[in-house]
Amino acid sequence: MNPYVQFALAMCLVVGLSLAGTAYLAATFNRKAKEDLRARLEPLAAAIGGEVDLDDATVKGRHGDALAFGRVANAQGGFGRLFHVELVDAAGGERWEWSNLPEKGQPEPKRVFDGDPALRDRLGLDFEALATVVPEAATQRWGFSYDPEAGMVRLSRAMRNRADIPEAAPFVAQLDALAEIGAANRRAQGAGEGPVHPGVAGADPHAEAERASHPSSSASPHPPASAPDARERGSIVGAPASGDEVARLNDGGAGADTPAARSASDTRAADAGASADRA
């Protein structure tokens, strides 16, 4: 056999073995990572009587009467990961966030309330006392927030590594703190004492949560959509227009019973009569 062919075959074999080895290692590491994640999330799911979704790194269950979640998410811009503890407790009103931000060289973290100062007063919450539910709170980046679009109160904390997921007892304590925050938020937002659940039946609150993770202004950057013209009305409700309606719309509405249509019809009749008289 030609030595060049032999060399080419040998290189193909080496490349094939390398690809197979890489695929095996990737599958092994992925399986190990999922097993580690499952081991961390299953106790949380058991604490709230829920279930684990490994693909989304999420636990879902109930805390009292409210839906509760624990989930891993990417931070804004993809820099690092966050662990969210969330409780569905919609109250409408205004968004707010209280953040704990450690500063280099400073013994105490910077604590900031982002929202209406009057709302902060109405909340009447001792956030410093609630901070005890977060281990090593003074040295970590974390915060409490309320998102009216998603209808959730949330505790978000920067993860130091992929295994930085709370144990079951701190997780339940954090949900208890969120329940206290939710009750105060309902009073402050004027939503009454009972929990107000999102108004869209069957809506997934995480669809709103992901969108709300990027704050936007109250004014939409897009111009309002114009009203559909007659040619579009056949598909507005999801059903095709009938053949007669399509023909009428394509004719510019000539079949409609309007003064302009009646005038056009009378003109055509008069022309036909004049032609008959000439004949």
C-alpha atoms as a PDB file:
ATOM      1  CA  MET A   1       0.000   0.000   0.000  1.00  0.00           C
ATOM      2  CA  ASN A   2       1.115   3.499  -0.744  1.00  0.00           C
ATOM      3  CA  PRO A   3       2.828   4.983   2.364  1.00  0.00           C
ATOM      4  CA  TYR A   4       0.896   8.241   1.946  1.00  0.00           C
ATOM      5  CA  VAL A   5      -2.377   6.356   2.093  1.00  0.00           C
ATOM      6  CA  GLN A   6      -1.176   4.477   5.155  1.00  0.00           C
ATOM      7  CA  PHE A   7      -0.254   7.753   6.860  1.00  0.00           C
ATOM      8  CA  ALA A   8      -3.637   9.292   5.982  1.00  0.00           C
ATOM      9  CA  LEU A   9      -5.470   6.260   7.379  1.00  0.00           C
ATOM     10  CA  ALA A  10      -3.383   6.369  10.550  1.00  0.00           C
ATOM     11  CA  MET A  11      -4.177  10.058  11.062  1.00  0.00           C
ATOM     12  CA  CYS A  12      -7.888   9.404  10.507  1.00  0.00           C
ATOM     13  CA  LEU A  13      -7.722   6.678  13.155  1.00  0.00           C
ATOM     14  CA  VAL A  14      -5.985   9.022  15.604  1.00  0.00           C
ATOM     15  CA  VAL A  15      -8.566  11.764  15.001  1.00  0.00           C
ATOM     16  CA  GLY A  16     -11.424   9.275  15.385  1.00  0.00           C
ATOM     17  CA  LEU A  17     -10.046   7.962  18.682  1.00  0.00           C
ATOM     18  CA  SER A  18      -9.527  11.533  19.937  1.00  0.00           C
ATOM     19  CA  LEU A  19     -13.101  12.497  19.118  1.00  0.00           C
ATOM     20  CA  ALA A  20     -14.453   9.355  20.762  1.00  0.00           C
ATOM     21  CA  GLY A  21     -12.381  10.007  23.870  1.00  0.00           C
ATOM     22  CA  THR A  22     -13.487  13.639  24.047  1.00  0.00           C
ATOM     23  CA  ALA A  23     -17.156  12.678  23.662  1.00  0.00           C
ATOM     24  CA  TYR A  24     -16.808  10.049  26.400  1.00  0.00           C
ATOM     25  CA  LEU A  25     -15.200  12.508  28.810  1.00  0.00           C
ATOM     26  CA  ALA A  26     -17.815  15.171  28.055  1.00  0.00           C
ATOM     27  CA  ALA A  27     -20.646  12.698  28.676  1.00  0.00           C
ATOM     28  CA  THR A  28     -19.006  11.513  31.901  1.00  0.00           C
ATOM     29  CA  PHE A  29     -18.503  15.032  33.262  1.00  0.00           C
ATOM     30  CA  ASN A  30     -22.032  16.035  32.277  1.00  0.00           C
ATOM     31  CA  ARG A  31     -23.491  12.992  33.992  1.00  0.00           C
ATOM     32  CA  LYS A  32     -21.436  13.661  37.130  1.00  0.00           C
ATOM     33  CA  ALA A  33     -22.511  17.318  37.159  1.00  0.00           C
ATOM     34  CA  LYS A  34     -26.178  16.319  36.889  1.00  0.00           C
ATOM     35  CA  GLU A  35     -25.793  13.782  39.683  1.00  0.00           C
ATOM     36  CA  ASP A  36     -24.229  16.458  41.921  1.00  0.00           C
ATOM     37  CA  LEU A  37     -27.012  18.900  41.026  1.00  0.00           C
ATOM     38  CA  ARG A  38     -29.683  16.303  41.748  1.00  0.00           C
ATOM     39  CA  ALA A  39     -28.122  15.567  45.125  1.00  0.00           C
ATOM     40  CA  ARG A  40     -28.299  19.279  45.990  1.00  0.00           C
ATOM     41  CA  LEU A  41     -31.810  19.947  44.672  1.00  0.00           C
ATOM     42  CA  GLU A  42     -33.708  16.848  45.821  1.00  0.00           C
ATOM     43  CA  PRO A  43     -33.669  17.847  49.527  1.00  0.00           C
ATOM     44  CA  LEU A  44     -35.102  21.247  48.556  1.00  0.00           C
ATOM     45  CA  ALA A  45     -37.853  19.621  46.501  1.00  0.00           C
ATOM     46  CA  ALA A  46     -38.694  17.311  49.414  1.00  0.00           C
ATOM     47  CA  ALA A  47     -38.914  20.321  51.763  1.00  0.00           C
ATOM     48  CA  ILE A  48     -41.631  21.937  49.626  1.00  0.00           C
ATOM     49  CA  GLY A  49     -43.320  18.736  48.452  1.00  0.00           C
ATOM     50  CA  GLY A  50     -42.301  19.376  44.873  1.00  0.00           C
ATOM     51  CA  GLU A  51     -40.200  18.068  42.041  1.00  0.00           C
ATOM     52  CA  VAL A  52     -36.801  18.610  40.432  1.00  0.00           C
ATOM     53  CA  ASP A  53     -36.180  19.704  36.849  1.00  0.00           C
ATOM     54  CA  LEU A  54     -32.517  18.979  36.164  1.00  0.00           C
ATOM     55  CA  ASP A  55     -32.572  20.474  32.670  1.00  0.00           C
ATOM     56  CA  ASP A  56     -33.599  23.870  34.081  1.00  0.00           C
ATOM     57  CA  ALA A  57     -31.819  23.374  37.445  1.00  0.00           C
ATOM     58  CA  THR A  58     -35.097  24.167  39.201  1.00  0.00           C
ATOM     59  CA  VAL A  59     -37.211  22.870  42.062  1.00  0.00           C
ATOM     60  CA  LYS A  60     -40.916  23.637  42.145  1.00  0.00           C
ATOM     61  CA  GLY A  61     -43.396  23.044  44.943  1.00  0.00           C
ATOM     62  CA  ARG A  62     -45.545  24.855  47.490  1.00  0.00           C
ATOM     63  CA  HIS A  63     -44.851  26.829  50.616  1.00  0.00           C
ATOM     64  CA  GLY A  64     -48.140  27.265  52.399  1.00  0.00           C
ATOM     65  CA  ASP A  65     -50.677  28.169  49.728  1.00  0.00           C
ATOM     66  CA  ALA A  66     -48.180  29.754  47.349  1.00  0.00           C
ATOM     67  CA  LEU A  67     -46.067  28.308  44.553  1.00  0.00           C
ATOM     68  CA  ALA A  68     -42.400  28.223  45.534  1.00  0.00           C
ATOM     69  CA  PHE A  69     -39.283  27.844  43.401  1.00  0.00           C
ATOM     70  CA  GLY A  70     -35.572  27.438  43.820  1.00  0.00           C
ATOM     71  CA  ARG A  71     -33.488  27.740  40.691  1.00  0.00           C
ATOM     72  CA  VAL A  72     -30.058  28.392  39.276  1.00  0.00           C
ATOM     73  CA  ALA A  73     -29.863  31.210  36.716  1.00  0.00           C
ATOM     74  CA  ASN A  74     -27.172  33.076  34.830  1.00  0.00           C
ATOM     75  CA  ALA A  75     -26.430  36.581  36.040  1.00  0.00           C
ATOM     76  CA  GLN A  76     -27.071  39.511  33.711  1.00  0.00           C
ATOM     77  CA  GLY A  77     -24.462  39.557  30.983  1.00  0.00           C
ATOM     78  CA  GLY A  78     -23.575  35.928  31.690  1.00  0.00           C
ATOM     79  CA  PHE A  79     -21.069  36.833  34.422  1.00  0.00           C
ATOM     80  CA  GLY A  80     -21.491  34.185  37.105  1.00  0.00           C
ATOM     81  CA  ARG A  81     -24.582  32.441  38.378  1.00  0.00           C
ATOM     82  CA  LEU A  82     -27.355  33.314  40.781  1.00  0.00           C
ATOM     83  CA  PHE A  83     -29.537  31.150  42.973  1.00  0.00           C
ATOM     84  CA  HIS A  84     -33.101  32.445  43.162  1.00  0.00           C
ATOM     85  CA  VAL A  85     -35.556  31.543  45.922  1.00  0.00           C
ATOM     86  CA  GLU A  86     -38.993  32.676  44.742  1.00  0.00           C
ATOM     87  CA  LEU A  87     -42.512  32.821  46.106  1.00  0.00           C
ATOM     88  CA  VAL A  88     -45.497  33.677  43.923  1.00  0.00           C
ATOM     89  CA  ASP A  89     -47.308  36.492  45.746  1.00  0.00           C
ATOM     90  CA  ALA A  90     -48.623  39.041  43.260  1.00  0.00           C
ATOM     91  CA  ALA A  91     -49.840  42.391  44.529  1.00  0.00           C
ATOM     92  CA  GLY A  92     -49.573  44.673  41.495  1.00  0.00           C
ATOM     93  CA  GLY A  93     -48.061  48.047  42.239  1.00  0.00           C
ATOM     94  CA  GLU A  94     -44.410  49.047  41.971  1.00  0.00           C
ATOM     95  CA  ARG A  95     -41.165  47.140  41.580  1.00  0.00           C
ATOM     96  CA  TRP A  96     -38.568  47.420  44.346  1.00  0.00           C
ATOM     97  CA  GLU A  97     -35.291  45.825  45.385  1.00  0.00           C
ATOM     98  CA  TRP A  98     -33.207  45.833  48.546  1.00  0.00           C
ATOM     99  CA  SER A  99     -29.580  44.835  47.915  1.00  0.00           C
ATOM    100  CA  ASN A 100     -26.638  43.802  50.075  1.00  0.00           C
ATOM    101  CA  LEU A 101     -23.405  44.786  48.270  1.00  0.00           C
ATOM    102  CA  PRO A 102     -20.047  44.116  49.937  1.00  0.00           C
ATOM    103  CA  GLU A 103     -17.405  46.770  49.231  1.00  0.00           C
ATOM    104  CA  LYS A 104     -13.701  46.027  49.056  1.00  0.00           C
ATOM    105  CA  GLY A 105     -11.839  47.365  52.055  1.00  0.00           C
ATOM    106  CA  GLN A 106     -15.020  48.198  53.974  1.00  0.00           C
ATOM    107  CA  PRO A 107     -16.060  46.287  57.109  1.00  0.00           C
ATOM    108  CA  GLU A 108     -19.777  46.648  56.379  1.00  0.00           C
ATOM    109  CA  PRO A 109     -21.598  46.033  53.107  1.00  0.00           C
ATOM    110  CA  LYS A 110     -23.481  48.737  51.251  1.00  0.00           C
ATOM    111  CA  ARG A 111     -27.235  48.232  51.586  1.00  0.00           C
ATOM    112  CA  VAL A 112     -29.428  49.976  49.045  1.00  0.00           C
ATOM    113  CA  PHE A 113     -33.178  50.230  48.505  1.00  0.00           C
ATOM    114  CA  ASP A 114     -34.024  50.729  44.832  1.00  0.00           C
ATOM    115  CA  GLY A 115     -37.586  52.036  44.667  1.00  0.00           C
ATOM    116  CA  ASP A 116     -39.911  54.749  45.915  1.00  0.00           C
ATOM    117  CA  PRO A 117     -38.808  55.950  49.398  1.00  0.00           C
ATOM    118  CA  ALA A 118     -42.469  56.264  50.364  1.00  0.00           C
ATOM    119  CA  LEU A 119     -42.979  52.613  49.448  1.00  0.00           C
ATOM    120  CA  ARG A 120     -39.950  51.710  51.588  1.00  0.00           C
ATOM    121  CA  ASP A 121     -41.627  53.399  54.541  1.00  0.00           C
ATOM    122  CA  ARG A 122     -44.944  51.655  53.885  1.00  0.00           C
ATOM    123  CA  LEU A 123     -43.246  48.263  53.749  1.00  0.00           C
ATOM    124  CA  GLY A 124     -42.056  48.715  57.333  1.00  0.00           C
ATOM    125  CA  LEU A 125     -39.647  45.762  57.014  1.00  0.00           C
ATOM    126  CA  ASP A 126     -36.482  45.279  59.039  1.00  0.00           C
ATOM    127  CA  PHE A 127     -34.313  44.000  56.191  1.00  0.00           C
ATOM    128  CA  GLU A 128     -31.263  43.742  58.458  1.00  0.00           C
ATOM    129  CA  ALA A 129     -33.150  41.263  60.651  1.00  0.00           C
ATOM    130  CA  LEU A 130     -34.400  39.333  57.618  1.00  0.00           C
ATOM    131  CA  ALA A 131     -30.808  39.095  56.381  1.00  0.00           C
ATOM    132  CA  THR A 132     -30.104  36.430  59.005  1.00  0.00           C
ATOM    133  CA  VAL A 133     -31.661  33.823  56.686  1.00  0.00           C
ATOM    134  CA  VAL A 134     -28.674  34.221  54.333  1.00  0.00           C
ATOM    135  CA  PRO A 135     -25.494  32.476  55.577  1.00  0.00           C
ATOM    136  CA  GLU A 136     -22.496  34.836  55.661  1.00  0.00           C
ATOM    137  CA  ALA A 137     -24.801  37.641  54.563  1.00  0.00           C
ATOM    138  CA  ALA A 138     -22.272  40.435  55.142  1.00  0.00           C
ATOM    139  CA  THR A 139     -19.753  39.000  52.670  1.00  0.00           C
ATOM    140  CA  GLN A 140     -22.105  37.937  49.869  1.00  0.00           C
ATOM    141  CA  ARG A 141     -23.881  39.763  47.062  1.00  0.00           C
ATOM    142  CA  TRP A 142     -27.600  39.167  47.431  1.00  0.00           C
ATOM    143  CA  GLY A 143     -30.917  40.931  47.750  1.00  0.00           C
ATOM    144  CA  PHE A 144     -34.674  40.804  48.250  1.00  0.00           C
ATOM    145  CA  SER A 145     -36.926  42.074  45.467  1.00  0.00           C
ATOM    146  CA  TYR A 146     -40.508  42.248  44.270  1.00  0.00           C
ATOM    147  CA  ASP A 147     -41.392  41.936  40.595  1.00  0.00           C
ATOM    148  CA  PRO A 148     -44.989  43.001  39.800  1.00  0.00           C
ATOM    149  CA  GLU A 149     -44.826  41.598  36.249  1.00  0.00           C
ATOM    150  CA  ALA A 150     -43.866  38.094  37.360  1.00  0.00           C
ATOM    151  CA  GLY A 151     -45.948  38.404  40.539  1.00  0.00           C
ATOM    152  CA  MET A 152     -43.102  37.191  42.768  1.00  0.00           C
ATOM    153  CA  VAL A 153     -41.070  38.109  45.791  1.00  0.00           C
ATOM    154  CA  ARG A 154     -37.541  36.844  45.369  1.00  0.00           C
ATOM    155  CA  LEU A 155     -34.250  36.342  47.148  1.00  0.00           C
ATOM    156  CA  SER A 156     -31.333  36.354  44.695  1.00  0.00           C
ATOM    157  CA  ARG A 157     -27.802  35.423  45.737  1.00  0.00           C
ATOM    158  CA  ALA A 158     -24.578  35.203  43.749  1.00  0.00           C
ATOM    159  CA  MET A 159     -23.240  31.634  43.709  1.00  0.00           C
ATOM    160  CA  ARG A 160     -19.568  31.182  44.571  1.00  0.00           C
ATOM    161  CA  ASN A 161     -19.410  27.800  42.812  1.00  0.00           C
ATOM    162  CA  ARG A 162     -21.828  25.397  41.147  1.00  0.00           C
ATOM    163  CA  ALA A 163     -22.439  23.561  44.437  1.00  0.00           C
ATOM    164  CA  ASP A 164     -23.351  26.767  46.303  1.00  0.00           C
ATOM    165  CA  ILE A 165     -27.003  25.775  46.762  1.00  0.00           C
ATOM    166  CA  PRO A 166     -28.611  26.126  50.214  1.00  0.00           C
ATOM    167  CA  GLU A 167     -29.466  23.185  52.422  1.00  0.00           C
ATOM    168  CA  ALA A 168     -33.121  22.382  53.033  1.00  0.00           C
ATOM    169  CA  ALA A 169     -33.387  24.176  56.414  1.00  0.00           C
ATOM    170  CA  PRO A 170     -31.986  27.542  55.204  1.00  0.00           C
ATOM    171  CA  PHE A 171     -34.097  27.201  52.043  1.00  0.00           C
ATOM    172  CA  VAL A 172     -37.305  26.882  54.089  1.00  0.00           C
ATOM    173  CA  ALA A 173     -36.207  29.766  56.348  1.00  0.00           C
ATOM    174  CA  GLN A 174     -35.700  31.921  53.258  1.00  0.00           C
ATOM    175  CA  LEU A 175     -39.192  31.031  52.016  1.00  0.00           C
ATOM    176  CA  ASP A 176     -40.565  31.997  55.448  1.00  0.00           C
ATOM    177  CA  ALA A 177     -38.832  35.363  55.108  1.00  0.00           C
ATOM    178  CA  LEU A 178     -40.287  35.816  51.619  1.00  0.00           C
ATOM    179  CA  ALA A 179     -43.768  35.016  52.953  1.00  0.00           C
ATOM    180  CA  GLU A 180     -43.324  37.773  55.571  1.00  0.00           C
ATOM    181  CA  ILE A 181     -42.089  40.156  52.878  1.00  0.00           C
ATOM    182  CA  GLY A 182     -45.028  39.218  50.633  1.00  0.00           C
ATOM    183  CA  ALA A 183     -47.570  40.042  53.350  1.00  0.00           C
ATOM    184  CA  ALA A 184     -45.934  43.417  54.014  1.00  0.00           C
ATOM    185  CA  ASN A 185     -45.725  44.101  50.278  1.00  0.00           C
ATOM    186  CA  ARG A 186     -49.447  43.463  49.791  1.00  0.00           C
ATOM    187  CA  ARG A 187     -50.251  45.976  52.504  1.00  0.00           C
ATOM    188  CA  ALA A 188     -47.799  48.514  51.110  1.00  0.00           C
ATOM    189  CA  GLN A 189     -49.071  48.117  47.547  1.00  0.00           C
ATOM    190  CA  GLY A 190     -52.698  48.339  48.713  1.00  0.00           C
ATOM    191  CA  ALA A 191     -53.604  44.803  47.627  1.00  0.00           C
ATOM    192  CA  GLY A 192     -55.174  43.727  50.921  1.00  0.00           C
ATOM    193  CA  GLU A 193     -54.252  40.918  53.289  1.00  0.00           C
ATOM    194  CA  GLY A 194     -54.823  37.824  51.151  1.00  0.00           C
ATOM    195  CA  PRO A 195     -52.403  36.698  48.461  1.00  0.00           C
ATOM    196  CA  VAL A 196     -53.247  37.885  44.965  1.00  0.00           C
ATOM    197  CA  HIS A 197     -52.217  35.368  42.342  1.00  0.00           C
ATOM    198  CA  PRO A 198     -51.268  36.302  38.761  1.00  0.00           C
ATOM    199  CA  GLY A 199     -54.315  37.108  36.670  1.00  0.00           C
ATOM    200  CA  VAL A 200     -53.467  35.017  33.594  1.00  0.00           C
ATOM    201  CA  ALA A 201     -54.710  31.492  34.115  1.00  0.00           C
ATOM    202  CA  GLY A 202     -52.090  28.862  33.430  1.00  0.00           C
ATOM    203  CA  ALA A 203     -49.334  31.427  32.957  1.00  0.00           C
ATOM    204  CA  ASP A 204     -45.840  30.274  33.832  1.00  0.00           C
ATOM    205  CA  PRO A 205     -44.444  32.860  36.245  1.00  0.00           C
ATOM    206  CA  HIS A 206     -40.915  32.099  35.031  1.00  0.00           C
ATOM    207  CA  ALA A 207     -41.696  33.348  31.576  1.00  0.00           C
ATOM    208  CA  GLU A 208     -42.335  36.697  33.248  1.00  0.00           C
ATOM    209  CA  ALA A 209     -39.431  36.305  35.623  1.00  0.00           C
ATOM    210  CA  GLU A 210     -36.874  35.873  32.851  1.00  0.00           C
ATOM    211  CA  ARG A 211     -38.240  38.903  31.003  1.00  0.00           C
ATOM    212  CA  ALA A 212     -38.313  40.967  34.177  1.00  0.00           C
ATOM    213  CA  SER A 213     -34.681  40.138  34.968  1.00  0.00           C
ATOM    214  CA  HIS A 214     -33.810  42.917  32.480  1.00  0.00           C
ATOM    215  CA  PRO A 215     -35.555  46.048  33.822  1.00  0.00           C
ATOM    216  CA  SER A 216     -37.227  48.232  31.242  1.00  0.00           C
ATOM    217  CA  SER A 217     -38.832  51.636  31.275  1.00  0.00           C
ATOM    218  CA  SER A 218     -42.576  52.063  31.451  1.00  0.00           C
ATOM    219  CA  ALA A 219     -42.697  53.346  27.865  1.00  0.00           C
ATOM    220  CA  SER A 220     -42.341  50.735  25.150  1.00  0.00           C
ATOM    221  CA  PRO A 221     -39.451  51.350  22.714  1.00  0.00           C
ATOM    222  CA  HIS A 222     -41.665  50.118  19.887  1.00  0.00           C
ATOM    223  CA  PRO A 223     -44.490  52.177  18.342  1.00  0.00           C
ATOM    224  CA  PRO A 224     -47.996  50.833  18.914  1.00  0.00           C
ATOM    225  CA  ALA A 225     -49.222  48.425  16.268  1.00  0.00           C
ATOM    226  CA  SER A 226     -51.714  49.939  13.852  1.00  0.00           C
ATOM    227  CA  ALA A 227     -55.229  48.573  13.686  1.00  0.00           C
ATOM    228  CA  PRO A 228     -55.589  45.718  11.178  1.00  0.00           C
ATOM    229  CA  ASP A 229     -57.134  46.695   7.868  1.00  0.00           C
ATOM    230  CA  ALA A 230     -59.974  44.812   6.253  1.00  0.00           C
ATOM    231  CA  ARG A 231     -57.651  42.399   4.479  1.00  0.00           C
ATOM    232  CA  GLU A 232     -56.282  41.162   7.808  1.00  0.00           C
ATOM    233  CA  ARG A 233     -59.546  40.694   9.687  1.00  0.00           C
ATOM    234  CA  GLY A 234     -60.111  37.172   8.431  1.00  0.00           C
ATOM    235  CA  SER A 235     -57.169  35.858  10.476  1.00  0.00           C
ATOM    236  CA  ILE A 236     -57.452  37.982  13.623  1.00  0.00           C
ATOM    237  CA  VAL A 237     -59.399  35.310  15.520  1.00  0.00           C
ATOM    238  CA  GLY A 238     -57.361  32.457  14.139  1.00  0.00           C
ATOM    239  CA  ALA A 239     -59.940  31.248  11.605  1.00  0.00           C
ATOM    240  CA  PRO A 240     -59.676  31.771   7.830  1.00  0.00           C
ATOM    241  CA  ALA A 241     -62.135  34.105   6.162  1.00  0.00           C
ATOM    242  CA  SER A 242     -64.801  32.608   3.895  1.00  0.00           C
ATOM    243  CA  GLY A 243     -64.350  32.696   0.119  1.00  0.00           C
ATOM    244  CA  ASP A 244     -67.090  35.307  -0.323  1.00  0.00           C
ATOM    245  CA  GLU A 245     -65.560  37.558   2.296  1.00  0.00           C
ATOM    246  CA  VAL A 246     -62.087  37.256   0.760  1.00  0.00           C
ATOM    247  CA  ALA A 247     -63.478  38.131  -2.670  1.00  0.00           C
ATOM    248  CA  ARG A 248     -65.310  41.118  -1.240  1.00  0.00           C
ATOM    249  CA  LEU A 249     -62.229  42.350   0.609  1.00  0.00           C
ATOM    250  CA  ASN A 250     -60.048  41.908  -2.481  1.00  0.00           C
ATOM    251  CA  ASP A 251     -62.596  43.981  -4.404  1.00  0.00           C
ATOM    252  CA  GLY A 252     -62.052  46.839  -1.963  1.00  0.00           C
ATOM    253  CA  GLY A 253     -65.401  46.291  -0.264  1.00  0.00           C
ATOM    254  CA  ALA A 254     -67.552  46.698  -3.379  1.00  0.00           C
ATOM    255  CA  GLY A 255     -70.039  44.183  -2.032  1.00  0.00           C
ATOM    256  CA  ALA A 256     -70.674  46.132   1.137  1.00  0.00           C
ATOM    257  CA  ASP A 257     -73.978  47.954   1.616  1.00  0.00           C
ATOM    258  CA  THR A 258     -72.615  51.495   1.801  1.00  0.00           C
ATOM    259  CA  PRO A 259     -73.743  54.758   0.096  1.00  0.00           C
ATOM    260  CA  ALA A 260     -70.706  54.644  -2.193  1.00  0.00           C
ATOM    261  CA  ALA A 261     -71.458  51.075  -3.198  1.00  0.00           C
ATOM    262  CA  ARG A 262     -75.153  51.859  -3.840  1.00  0.00           C
ATOM    263  CA  SER A 263     -74.173  54.901  -5.948  1.00  0.00           C
ATOM    264  CA  ALA A 264     -71.799  52.791  -8.043  1.00  0.00           C
ATOM    265  CA  SER A 265     -74.532  50.191  -8.525  1.00  0.00           C
ATOM    266  CA  ASP A 266     -77.085  52.837  -9.647  1.00  0.00           C
ATOM    267  CA  THR A 267     -74.565  54.267 -12.136  1.00  0.00           C
ATOM    268  CA  ARG A 268     -73.980  50.847 -13.676  1.00  0.00           C
ATOM    269  CA  ALA A 269     -77.756  50.257 -13.942  1.00  0.00           C
ATOM    270  CA  ALA A 270     -78.273  53.634 -15.683  1.00  0.00           C
ATOM    271  CA  ASP A 271     -75.505  52.864 -18.189  1.00  0.00           C
ATOM    272  CA  ALA A 272     -77.062  49.483 -18.930  1.00  0.00           C
ATOM    273  CA  GLY A 273     -80.488  51.136 -19.546  1.00  0.00           C
ATOM    274  CA  ALA A 274     -79.015  53.698 -21.906  1.00  0.00           C
ATOM    275  CA  SER A 275     -77.316  50.962 -23.894  1.00  0.00           C
ATOM    276  CA  ALA A 276     -80.602  49.089 -24.165  1.00  0.00           C
ATOM    277  CA  ASP A 277     -82.415  52.218 -25.492  1.00  0.00           C
ATOM    278  CA  ARG A 278     -79.733  52.757 -28.148  1.00  0.00           C
ATOM    279  CA  ALA A 279     -80.082  49.152 -29.198  1.00  0.00           C
END
